[in-house]
């Protein structure tokens, strides 16, 4: 009888589990192409945004009544009954027809510089500059692509022929594995955030990480792996000094050193997560030196009115910005409400010929580093009081790395046997941070400032976030799976 009852309950409740998270896709009504960064509003301070592939996910339990409103820059707003929204439904947005003569200040179309001055003038009216309380969902992805990895034990090393051949074979295999692999990891967490008077507090609800520990290809870990191969062919009873040029890197390492195999931590500090949220939110800040504030600085940038467009049925100015001075590095488009002069959205990237920080000591120290990608999107949304808050922020950045290092392993013994090792690495790292933000209330009790447990996953599991408004994962993340040898 108990078994029968269990089967009945399983049959009845199983469909409910599958409907707790509902995923649909937004496309252009004319071209059928994905529409990214469309806001999906399900209620007051509730909703999400479509990802770069046009997908969005909602908690189905909260869609029993009312309408779902879908808005995107340049498209007519779509409203559909919440009860009619289905899994894997395709939703089509129609491009909005623009009537240029309706977008005016008085009797004329404003100049771009005038629009920017109005934006700066109205910042105290349009945006909340006091205490800010948010609920958030954060996602970070990291890709490592190493195009070249040469690992070589030099001939004059004091290894016999068999050891030398074996070490070279193992190093070559490591190099091929790493250059053929495209390492990727994903880190998600959600919670509440308070920002008041230069102080921020964070309450963490949940944190997960998708990562394959075998594919940890940071430069430090790569060098450690190569060193481990070399040490495995040396006298395990001895310790070794490691030098590069005239500098001593390590005084005494051996096969037993923990540095050779450091795994992934099962926790992360709340302070570190607070810093991540604060840094991303700072992109949308209007205080001096913040990125968006720089984009509105007439001394740094020049402006051009591209064309008006629509958002949520209201006229919007699209203003292109490009560097005026050398210290200005970005180009992009500001989308500005034609009535309130609030910035509704910003797209930006490095301007032609501009990069971030760079170091070129290739000839002197065998090191070259260039920040060659920095682009993003910032979306604002108004609350019931008419104040605008950041709703979605995405930042993607990448770099080029060249590292050529010659290492010498010297036995700490009277014989002082030596092994010479050459390490050449070239490639890059690309990171993307995305955050979905909604005004919320925060607890009166202070949050824990200790370590936050991170749940490690071998594959994406949507049920973990089924009770949370999240950013829908891209196909790459949904298809991620750790293959255990």
Protein backbone atom coordinates (compact mmCIF):
# COMPACT_ATOMS: atom_id res chain seq x y z
CA UNK A 1 0.00 0.00 0.00
CA UNK A 2 2.80 2.41 0.88
CA UNK A 3 4.53 1.65 -2.43
CA UNK A 4 1.29 2.28 -4.34
CA UNK A 5 0.75 5.60 -2.53
CA UNK A 6 4.33 6.65 -3.28
CA UNK A 7 3.86 5.90 -6.99
CA UNK A 8 0.61 7.89 -7.08
CA UNK A 9 2.26 10.89 -5.43
CA UNK A 10 5.23 10.63 -7.77
CA UNK A 11 2.91 10.57 -10.79
CA UNK A 12 0.93 13.58 -9.57
CA UNK A 13 3.83 15.71 -8.37
CA UNK A 14 6.36 14.99 -11.12
CA UNK A 15 4.77 17.31 -13.71
CA UNK A 16 4.80 20.10 -11.14
CA UNK A 17 8.57 19.80 -10.84
CA UNK A 18 9.03 20.20 -14.57
CA UNK A 19 6.93 23.36 -14.74
CA UNK A 20 8.55 25.32 -11.93
CA UNK A 21 10.96 27.00 -14.35
CA UNK A 22 9.60 28.09 -17.72
CA UNK A 23 11.93 29.02 -20.59
CA UNK A 24 10.86 30.82 -23.77
CA UNK A 25 12.62 32.71 -26.56
CA UNK A 26 12.22 36.22 -27.98
CA UNK A 27 12.91 36.80 -31.69
CA UNK A 28 12.59 39.61 -34.22
CA UNK A 29 9.15 39.44 -35.82
CA UNK A 30 10.58 40.16 -39.28
CA UNK A 31 13.94 38.37 -39.37
CA UNK A 32 13.42 35.61 -36.80
CA UNK A 33 16.78 36.47 -35.21
CA UNK A 34 17.24 36.38 -31.45
CA UNK A 35 16.48 39.57 -29.51
CA UNK A 36 18.98 39.95 -26.65
CA UNK A 37 18.53 42.07 -23.51
CA UNK A 38 14.74 42.39 -23.74
CA UNK A 39 13.23 43.15 -20.33
CA UNK A 40 10.56 40.69 -19.19
CA UNK A 41 8.36 42.13 -16.41
CA UNK A 42 5.97 39.88 -14.50
CA UNK A 43 5.03 42.24 -11.65
CA UNK A 44 6.30 45.00 -9.38
CA UNK A 45 10.08 44.54 -9.09
CA UNK A 46 9.73 41.09 -10.64
CA UNK A 47 11.04 39.78 -13.93
CA UNK A 48 14.17 38.96 -15.89
CA UNK A 49 15.94 39.70 -19.17
CA UNK A 50 16.61 37.71 -22.33
CA UNK A 51 20.17 36.48 -22.82
CA UNK A 52 22.31 36.89 -25.95
CA UNK A 53 20.47 33.99 -27.58
CA UNK A 54 17.05 35.52 -26.85
CA UNK A 55 16.09 33.04 -24.10
CA UNK A 56 14.63 33.94 -20.73
CA UNK A 57 13.53 31.84 -17.75
CA UNK A 58 10.77 32.58 -15.25
CA UNK A 59 9.44 30.97 -12.11
CA UNK A 60 6.22 29.42 -13.41
CA UNK A 61 4.54 29.42 -10.00
CA UNK A 62 4.22 33.22 -10.09
CA UNK A 63 2.55 33.34 -13.51
CA UNK A 64 -1.01 32.47 -12.57
CA UNK A 65 -2.53 35.88 -13.30
CA UNK A 66 -1.90 39.24 -14.90
CA UNK A 67 0.22 39.98 -17.95
CA UNK A 68 3.85 39.52 -18.88
CA UNK A 69 5.30 42.66 -20.49
CA UNK A 70 8.24 42.32 -22.89
CA UNK A 71 10.11 45.45 -23.97
CA UNK A 72 13.24 46.04 -25.99
CA UNK A 73 14.87 49.09 -27.53
CA UNK A 74 13.57 49.61 -31.09
CA UNK A 75 10.60 47.24 -30.76
CA UNK A 76 6.92 47.55 -29.93
CA UNK A 77 6.11 46.39 -26.42
CA UNK A 78 4.42 43.00 -26.23
CA UNK A 79 1.95 42.07 -23.50
CA UNK A 80 0.60 38.56 -23.15
CA UNK A 81 -1.51 36.89 -20.44
CA UNK A 82 0.77 35.18 -17.96
CA UNK A 83 -1.37 32.06 -18.02
CA UNK A 84 -0.81 31.67 -21.78
CA UNK A 85 3.00 31.59 -21.57
CA UNK A 86 4.30 28.13 -22.46
CA UNK A 87 7.58 26.25 -22.26
CA UNK A 88 9.80 26.76 -25.35
CA UNK A 89 7.35 29.31 -26.74
CA UNK A 90 8.63 31.63 -29.48
CA UNK A 91 7.63 35.26 -28.85
CA UNK A 92 7.95 37.72 -31.74
CA UNK A 93 8.63 41.43 -31.26
CA UNK A 94 7.71 43.80 -34.07
CA UNK A 95 10.17 46.62 -34.91
CA UNK A 96 8.76 50.05 -34.02
CA UNK A 97 8.21 52.53 -36.83
CA UNK A 98 9.90 55.87 -36.05
CA UNK A 99 8.28 59.21 -36.85
CA UNK A 100 11.19 61.63 -36.59
CA UNK A 101 9.09 64.81 -36.42
CA UNK A 102 7.52 63.71 -33.12
CA UNK A 103 10.82 63.63 -31.24
CA UNK A 104 11.54 67.25 -30.46
CA UNK A 105 12.31 69.80 -27.78
CA UNK A 106 9.98 72.64 -28.56
CA UNK A 107 10.10 73.20 -32.32
CA UNK A 108 13.41 71.53 -33.14
CA UNK A 109 15.37 68.33 -32.83
CA UNK A 110 18.04 68.85 -30.14
CA UNK A 111 21.76 68.64 -30.77
CA UNK A 112 23.60 65.69 -29.24
CA UNK A 113 25.61 67.87 -26.83
CA UNK A 114 22.40 69.50 -25.62
CA UNK A 115 20.89 66.09 -24.90
CA UNK A 116 23.94 65.08 -22.84
CA UNK A 117 23.79 68.32 -20.83
CA UNK A 118 20.12 67.64 -20.07
CA UNK A 119 21.02 64.11 -18.94
CA UNK A 120 23.62 65.44 -16.49
CA UNK A 121 21.27 68.14 -15.24
CA UNK A 122 18.50 65.62 -14.51
CA UNK A 123 20.61 62.92 -12.81
CA UNK A 124 19.53 63.94 -9.25
CA UNK A 125 15.89 63.81 -10.35
CA UNK A 126 16.02 60.58 -12.36
CA UNK A 127 18.22 58.34 -10.20
CA UNK A 128 18.25 57.32 -6.57
CA UNK A 129 21.50 58.55 -5.02
CA UNK A 130 20.65 57.55 -1.43
CA UNK A 131 20.47 54.12 0.19
CA UNK A 132 19.98 51.39 -2.40
CA UNK A 133 18.63 47.91 -1.59
CA UNK A 134 18.61 45.22 -4.26
CA UNK A 135 17.93 41.56 -4.85
CA UNK A 136 20.38 40.22 -7.41
CA UNK A 137 21.46 37.22 -9.44
CA UNK A 138 25.09 37.15 -10.60
CA UNK A 139 26.82 34.96 -13.18
CA UNK A 140 30.47 34.86 -14.19
CA UNK A 141 31.93 32.79 -17.00
CA UNK A 142 35.61 32.40 -17.80
CA UNK A 143 37.24 31.02 -20.95
CA UNK A 144 40.93 30.20 -21.29
CA UNK A 145 42.37 29.73 -24.77
CA UNK A 146 46.07 28.96 -25.01
CA UNK A 147 47.15 28.97 -28.67
CA UNK A 148 50.75 28.03 -27.98
CA UNK A 149 52.35 26.12 -25.14
CA UNK A 150 55.92 24.93 -25.61
CA UNK A 151 57.44 22.92 -22.77
CA UNK A 152 61.01 21.75 -23.33
CA UNK A 153 63.69 20.06 -21.24
CA UNK A 154 67.02 21.23 -22.61
CA UNK A 155 69.61 18.72 -23.82
CA UNK A 156 72.35 19.69 -21.38
CA UNK A 157 70.14 18.78 -18.41
CA UNK A 158 71.65 16.11 -16.15
CA UNK A 159 69.11 13.40 -16.99
CA UNK A 160 69.88 10.11 -18.68
CA UNK A 161 68.52 9.55 -22.20
CA UNK A 162 65.52 7.52 -21.04
CA UNK A 163 64.49 10.12 -18.43
CA UNK A 164 64.96 12.97 -20.92
CA UNK A 165 62.85 11.23 -23.59
CA UNK A 166 60.10 10.40 -21.10
CA UNK A 167 59.97 13.93 -19.67
CA UNK A 168 59.74 15.43 -23.17
CA UNK A 169 56.98 12.99 -24.13
CA UNK A 170 54.92 13.89 -21.05
CA UNK A 171 55.48 17.64 -21.48
CA UNK A 172 54.51 17.48 -25.16
CA UNK A 173 51.35 15.57 -24.26
CA UNK A 174 50.46 18.21 -21.65
CA UNK A 175 51.05 20.96 -24.20
CA UNK A 176 48.83 19.30 -26.82
CA UNK A 177 46.07 18.64 -24.29
CA UNK A 178 46.01 22.25 -23.12
CA UNK A 179 46.11 23.89 -26.57
CA UNK A 180 43.41 21.51 -27.86
CA UNK A 181 41.20 22.18 -24.84
CA UNK A 182 39.06 25.27 -24.39
CA UNK A 183 38.70 25.52 -20.63
CA UNK A 184 35.54 27.17 -19.33
CA UNK A 185 33.96 27.67 -15.92
CA UNK A 186 30.73 29.22 -14.63
CA UNK A 187 30.05 30.74 -11.22
CA UNK A 188 26.55 31.79 -10.03
CA UNK A 189 25.31 33.30 -6.80
CA UNK A 190 22.31 35.31 -5.61
CA UNK A 191 21.19 37.28 -2.60
CA UNK A 192 20.50 40.77 -1.29
CA UNK A 193 22.71 43.87 -1.41
CA UNK A 194 22.62 47.19 0.48
CA UNK A 195 24.64 50.24 -0.53
CA UNK A 196 24.61 53.31 1.72
CA UNK A 197 27.20 56.04 2.27
CA UNK A 198 30.20 54.24 0.79
CA UNK A 199 29.37 51.10 2.78
CA UNK A 200 27.91 47.94 1.28
CA UNK A 201 26.47 44.79 2.84
CA UNK A 202 25.64 41.50 1.15
CA UNK A 203 23.42 38.57 2.14
CA UNK A 204 24.21 35.43 0.12
CA UNK A 205 21.47 32.89 -0.53
CA UNK A 206 23.22 30.31 -2.74
CA UNK A 207 26.42 29.88 -4.77
CA UNK A 208 27.25 27.26 -7.39
CA UNK A 209 30.21 26.57 -9.65
CA UNK A 210 30.51 24.58 -12.88
CA UNK A 211 34.14 23.72 -13.46
CA UNK A 212 36.31 20.85 -14.62
CA UNK A 213 39.27 20.67 -12.22
CA UNK A 214 41.36 18.89 -14.88
CA UNK A 215 41.17 21.99 -17.05
CA UNK A 216 42.63 24.54 -14.65
CA UNK A 217 44.81 26.43 -17.11
CA UNK A 218 45.88 29.54 -15.21
CA UNK A 219 49.53 30.43 -15.82
CA UNK A 220 50.52 29.50 -12.27
CA UNK A 221 48.80 26.13 -12.48
CA UNK A 222 50.32 25.40 -15.91
CA UNK A 223 53.82 26.07 -14.63
CA UNK A 224 53.10 23.94 -11.55
CA UNK A 225 51.94 21.02 -13.71
CA UNK A 226 55.03 21.22 -15.86
CA UNK A 227 57.27 21.42 -12.79
CA UNK A 228 55.60 18.33 -11.37
CA UNK A 229 56.44 16.37 -14.53
CA UNK A 230 60.08 17.41 -14.28
CA UNK A 231 60.27 16.64 -10.56
CA UNK A 232 58.87 13.18 -11.19
CA UNK A 233 62.06 12.35 -13.13
CA UNK A 234 64.40 13.68 -10.45
CA UNK A 235 65.57 12.12 -7.21
CA UNK A 236 62.49 12.03 -4.96
CA UNK A 237 64.73 12.01 -1.87
CA UNK A 238 66.17 15.43 -2.75
CA UNK A 239 64.80 18.97 -2.72
CA UNK A 240 65.50 21.49 -5.46
CA UNK A 241 66.08 25.20 -5.87
CA UNK A 242 64.26 26.76 -8.84
CA UNK A 243 65.79 29.78 -10.55
CA UNK A 244 64.83 31.91 -13.52
CA UNK A 245 67.74 33.98 -14.76
CA UNK A 246 69.48 35.31 -11.67
CA UNK A 247 66.32 35.19 -9.54
CA UNK A 248 65.46 32.35 -7.18
CA UNK A 249 61.80 31.36 -7.52
CA UNK A 250 61.77 28.59 -4.88
CA UNK A 251 64.48 27.58 -2.41
CA UNK A 252 63.32 24.06 -1.67
CA UNK A 253 60.60 22.17 -3.54
CA UNK A 254 59.98 18.46 -3.90
CA UNK A 255 57.36 16.02 -5.14
CA UNK A 256 55.61 16.29 -1.79
CA UNK A 257 54.90 20.00 -2.02
CA UNK A 258 51.24 20.91 -1.76
CA UNK A 259 51.71 23.73 -4.27
CA UNK A 260 51.86 21.15 -7.05
CA UNK A 261 48.23 20.14 -6.76
CA UNK A 262 46.06 22.84 -5.26
CA UNK A 263 42.41 22.06 -5.84
CA UNK A 264 39.35 24.23 -6.05
CA UNK A 265 38.11 25.73 -2.80
CA UNK A 266 34.70 24.66 -1.54
CA UNK A 267 33.97 28.15 -0.22
CA UNK A 268 34.49 31.81 -0.99
CA UNK A 269 34.52 34.78 1.35
CA UNK A 270 31.45 36.99 1.58
CA UNK A 271 33.82 39.95 1.33
CA UNK A 272 35.04 38.78 -2.09
CA UNK A 273 31.46 38.36 -3.36
CA UNK A 274 30.53 41.79 -2.02
CA UNK A 275 33.44 43.26 -3.96
CA UNK A 276 32.28 41.59 -7.19
CA UNK A 277 28.77 43.03 -6.90
CA UNK A 278 30.09 46.48 -5.92
CA UNK A 279 32.52 46.56 -8.86
CA UNK A 280 29.84 45.63 -11.40
CA UNK A 281 27.29 48.09 -9.98
CA UNK A 282 29.93 50.84 -10.12
CA UNK A 283 29.78 50.62 -13.93
CA UNK A 284 26.27 52.10 -13.75
CA UNK A 285 27.18 54.80 -11.24
CA UNK A 286 27.04 58.53 -11.91
CA UNK A 287 29.72 59.46 -9.41
CA UNK A 288 33.01 60.85 -10.72
CA UNK A 289 35.37 58.25 -12.25
CA UNK A 290 32.61 55.67 -12.70
CA UNK A 291 32.33 54.37 -16.24
CA UNK A 292 28.88 55.72 -17.08
CA UNK A 293 29.81 59.09 -15.59
CA UNK A 294 32.84 59.18 -17.90
CA UNK A 295 30.64 58.47 -20.93
CA UNK A 296 28.63 61.60 -20.03
CA UNK A 297 31.74 63.78 -19.64
CA UNK A 298 31.83 66.30 -22.51
CA UNK A 299 35.52 66.95 -21.90
CA UNK A 300 36.33 63.28 -22.61
CA UNK A 301 33.85 62.35 -25.33
CA UNK A 302 32.20 63.81 -28.41
CA UNK A 303 28.60 63.00 -29.30
CA UNK A 304 26.49 62.42 -32.38
CA UNK A 305 22.71 61.97 -32.55
CA UNK A 306 22.22 58.78 -34.52
CA UNK A 307 18.44 58.41 -34.69
CA UNK A 308 15.44 58.29 -32.39
CA UNK A 309 13.91 54.94 -31.47
CA UNK A 310 11.21 53.54 -29.18
CA UNK A 311 11.23 51.83 -25.82
CA UNK A 312 8.00 50.88 -24.04
CA UNK A 313 6.10 53.20 -26.35
CA UNK A 314 8.22 56.25 -25.49
CA UNK A 315 10.60 58.12 -27.76
CA UNK A 316 14.28 57.59 -27.13
CA UNK A 317 17.35 59.39 -28.47
CA UNK A 318 20.24 57.19 -29.59
CA UNK A 319 23.45 59.17 -29.04
CA UNK A 320 26.76 57.81 -30.29
CA UNK A 321 29.86 58.66 -28.20
CA UNK A 322 33.50 58.47 -29.30
CA UNK A 323 36.77 59.57 -27.62
CA UNK A 324 37.59 63.27 -27.63
CA UNK A 325 40.78 62.93 -25.57
CA UNK A 326 43.44 60.25 -25.38
CA UNK A 327 42.44 59.09 -21.89
CA UNK A 328 38.94 58.27 -23.20
CA UNK A 329 39.09 54.65 -24.37
CA UNK A 330 35.53 53.68 -25.29
CA UNK A 331 32.91 54.14 -27.98
CA UNK A 332 29.26 53.21 -27.84
CA UNK A 333 25.64 54.34 -27.79
CA UNK A 334 23.58 55.97 -25.06
CA UNK A 335 19.80 55.47 -25.27
CA UNK A 336 18.10 58.44 -23.58
CA UNK A 337 14.42 58.97 -22.83
CA UNK A 338 13.28 62.01 -24.83
CA UNK A 339 11.04 63.32 -22.03
CA UNK A 340 12.90 62.67 -18.76
CA UNK A 341 16.43 62.60 -20.25
CA UNK A 342 17.18 59.47 -18.25
CA UNK A 343 19.74 57.03 -19.67
CA UNK A 344 17.78 53.83 -20.29
CA UNK A 345 20.53 51.73 -21.82
CA UNK A 346 24.21 51.93 -22.77
CA UNK A 347 26.25 49.71 -25.06
CA UNK A 348 30.03 50.24 -25.10
CA UNK A 349 33.33 48.70 -26.20
CA UNK A 350 36.93 49.79 -26.76
CA UNK A 351 37.13 52.41 -29.49
CA UNK A 352 39.18 51.63 -32.61
CA UNK A 353 42.86 51.54 -31.75
CA UNK A 354 42.26 51.71 -27.99
CA UNK A 355 43.12 49.06 -25.41
CA UNK A 356 43.37 48.85 -21.64
CA UNK A 357 46.47 48.34 -19.54
CA UNK A 358 49.43 46.79 -21.28
CA UNK A 359 52.94 45.65 -20.37
CA UNK A 360 55.52 44.77 -23.00
CA UNK A 361 58.71 43.39 -21.51
CA UNK A 362 58.92 40.58 -24.04
CA UNK A 363 62.60 41.09 -24.83
CA UNK A 364 63.74 41.96 -21.31
CA UNK A 365 61.71 39.58 -19.12
CA UNK A 366 59.79 37.45 -21.62
CA UNK A 367 56.43 38.96 -20.60
CA UNK A 368 53.73 40.73 -22.63
CA UNK A 369 50.21 41.53 -21.48
CA UNK A 370 47.42 43.51 -23.21
CA UNK A 371 43.84 44.10 -22.08
CA UNK A 372 42.33 43.82 -25.56
CA UNK A 373 38.61 43.47 -24.83
CA UNK A 374 36.27 45.48 -22.62
CA UNK A 375 32.65 45.76 -23.69
CA UNK A 376 29.30 45.72 -22.03
CA UNK A 377 25.65 46.66 -21.70
CA UNK A 378 23.91 48.58 -18.91
CA UNK A 379 20.09 48.62 -18.70
CA UNK A 380 18.03 50.80 -16.34
CA UNK A 381 14.40 50.49 -15.29
CA UNK A 382 12.10 52.91 -13.46
CA UNK A 383 10.36 51.97 -10.22
CA UNK A 384 6.86 53.07 -9.16
CA UNK A 385 8.21 56.40 -7.90
CA UNK A 386 9.78 57.21 -11.27
CA UNK A 387 13.35 56.72 -10.05
CA UNK A 388 15.62 54.68 -12.31
CA UNK A 389 17.73 51.80 -11.04
CA UNK A 390 20.20 49.49 -12.78
CA UNK A 391 18.27 46.44 -13.97
CA UNK A 392 20.88 44.45 -15.89
CA UNK A 393 24.63 44.91 -16.31
CA UNK A 394 26.93 42.80 -18.43
CA UNK A 395 30.66 43.27 -18.74
CA UNK A 396 32.94 41.17 -20.93
CA UNK A 397 36.68 41.61 -20.84
CA UNK A 398 39.70 39.75 -22.14
CA UNK A 399 43.45 39.88 -22.41
CA UNK A 400 46.41 38.60 -24.40
CA UNK A 401 49.26 36.95 -22.48
CA UNK A 402 52.75 36.02 -23.62
CA UNK A 403 55.05 34.41 -21.08
CA UNK A 404 58.48 32.97 -21.88
CA UNK A 405 60.39 31.71 -18.88
CA UNK A 406 63.51 29.57 -18.55
CA UNK A 407 63.72 27.66 -15.29
CA UNK A 408 66.68 25.88 -13.75
CA UNK A 409 66.19 23.09 -11.19
CA UNK A 410 69.29 22.76 -8.98
CA UNK A 411 69.61 19.85 -6.59
CA UNK A 412 70.22 20.91 -2.97
CA UNK A 413 73.17 18.55 -2.57
CA UNK A 414 76.92 18.47 -2.94
CA UNK A 415 76.61 17.34 -6.59
CA UNK A 416 74.17 20.19 -7.42
CA UNK A 417 72.75 18.38 -10.44
CA UNK A 418 70.84 20.66 -12.81
CA UNK A 419 67.80 20.34 -15.10
CA UNK A 420 67.04 23.19 -17.52
CA UNK A 421 63.42 23.79 -18.54
CA UNK A 422 61.97 26.25 -21.08
CA UNK A 423 58.33 27.42 -20.68
CA UNK A 424 56.59 29.44 -23.45
CA UNK A 425 52.89 30.30 -23.21
CA UNK A 426 50.78 32.45 -25.52
CA UNK A 427 47.03 32.96 -25.58
CA UNK A 428 44.35 34.72 -23.62
CA UNK A 429 41.58 34.74 -21.04
CA UNK A 430 38.04 36.04 -21.54
CA UNK A 431 35.65 36.73 -18.66
CA UNK A 432 32.02 37.78 -18.63
CA UNK A 433 30.10 39.10 -15.63
CA UNK A 434 26.31 39.51 -15.73
CA UNK A 435 24.01 40.71 -12.98
CA UNK A 436 20.22 40.97 -12.81
CA UNK A 437 19.11 43.53 -10.20
CA UNK A 438 15.73 44.44 -8.71
CA UNK A 439 14.81 46.88 -5.91
CA UNK A 440 14.08 44.97 -2.72
CA UNK A 441 14.16 45.19 1.05
CA UNK A 442 17.10 43.96 3.09
CA UNK A 443 17.11 42.44 6.61
CA UNK A 444 17.73 44.52 9.71
CA UNK A 445 20.18 41.92 10.99
CA UNK A 446 23.72 42.20 9.59
CA UNK A 447 24.84 39.45 7.19
CA UNK A 448 27.51 36.85 7.83
CA UNK A 449 30.91 38.09 6.72
CA UNK A 450 32.57 34.68 6.79
CA UNK A 451 32.98 31.94 4.21
CA UNK A 452 30.15 31.05 1.82
CA UNK A 453 29.78 27.41 0.78
CA UNK A 454 30.02 26.90 -2.99
CA UNK A 455 28.12 23.93 -4.43
CA UNK A 456 30.28 22.20 -7.08
CA UNK A 457 28.45 20.86 -10.14
CA UNK A 458 29.48 18.50 -12.92
CA UNK A 459 26.70 19.74 -15.22
CA UNK A 460 24.10 22.49 -15.31
CA UNK A 461 21.14 21.69 -13.05
CA UNK A 462 18.19 24.09 -13.59
CA UNK A 463 16.31 22.71 -10.58
CA UNK A 464 18.84 24.38 -8.26
CA UNK A 465 17.51 27.80 -9.31
CA UNK A 466 13.87 26.86 -9.93
CA UNK A 467 12.61 29.19 -7.17
CA UNK A 468 14.74 32.15 -8.32
CA UNK A 469 14.54 34.75 -11.05
CA UNK A 470 17.76 34.13 -12.96
CA UNK A 471 19.56 34.96 -16.19
CA UNK A 472 18.81 32.12 -18.60
CA UNK A 473 21.96 30.11 -19.36
CA UNK A 474 23.47 30.09 -22.84
CA UNK A 475 23.62 26.80 -24.75
CA UNK A 476 27.31 26.49 -23.86
CA UNK A 477 26.47 26.43 -20.17
CA UNK A 478 23.49 24.09 -20.57
CA UNK A 479 25.69 21.64 -22.47
CA UNK A 480 28.60 21.78 -20.00
CA UNK A 481 29.51 18.41 -18.53
CA UNK A 482 32.56 17.16 -16.68
CA UNK A 483 33.76 13.88 -18.16
CA UNK A 484 35.27 11.73 -15.43
CA UNK A 485 38.06 9.49 -16.67
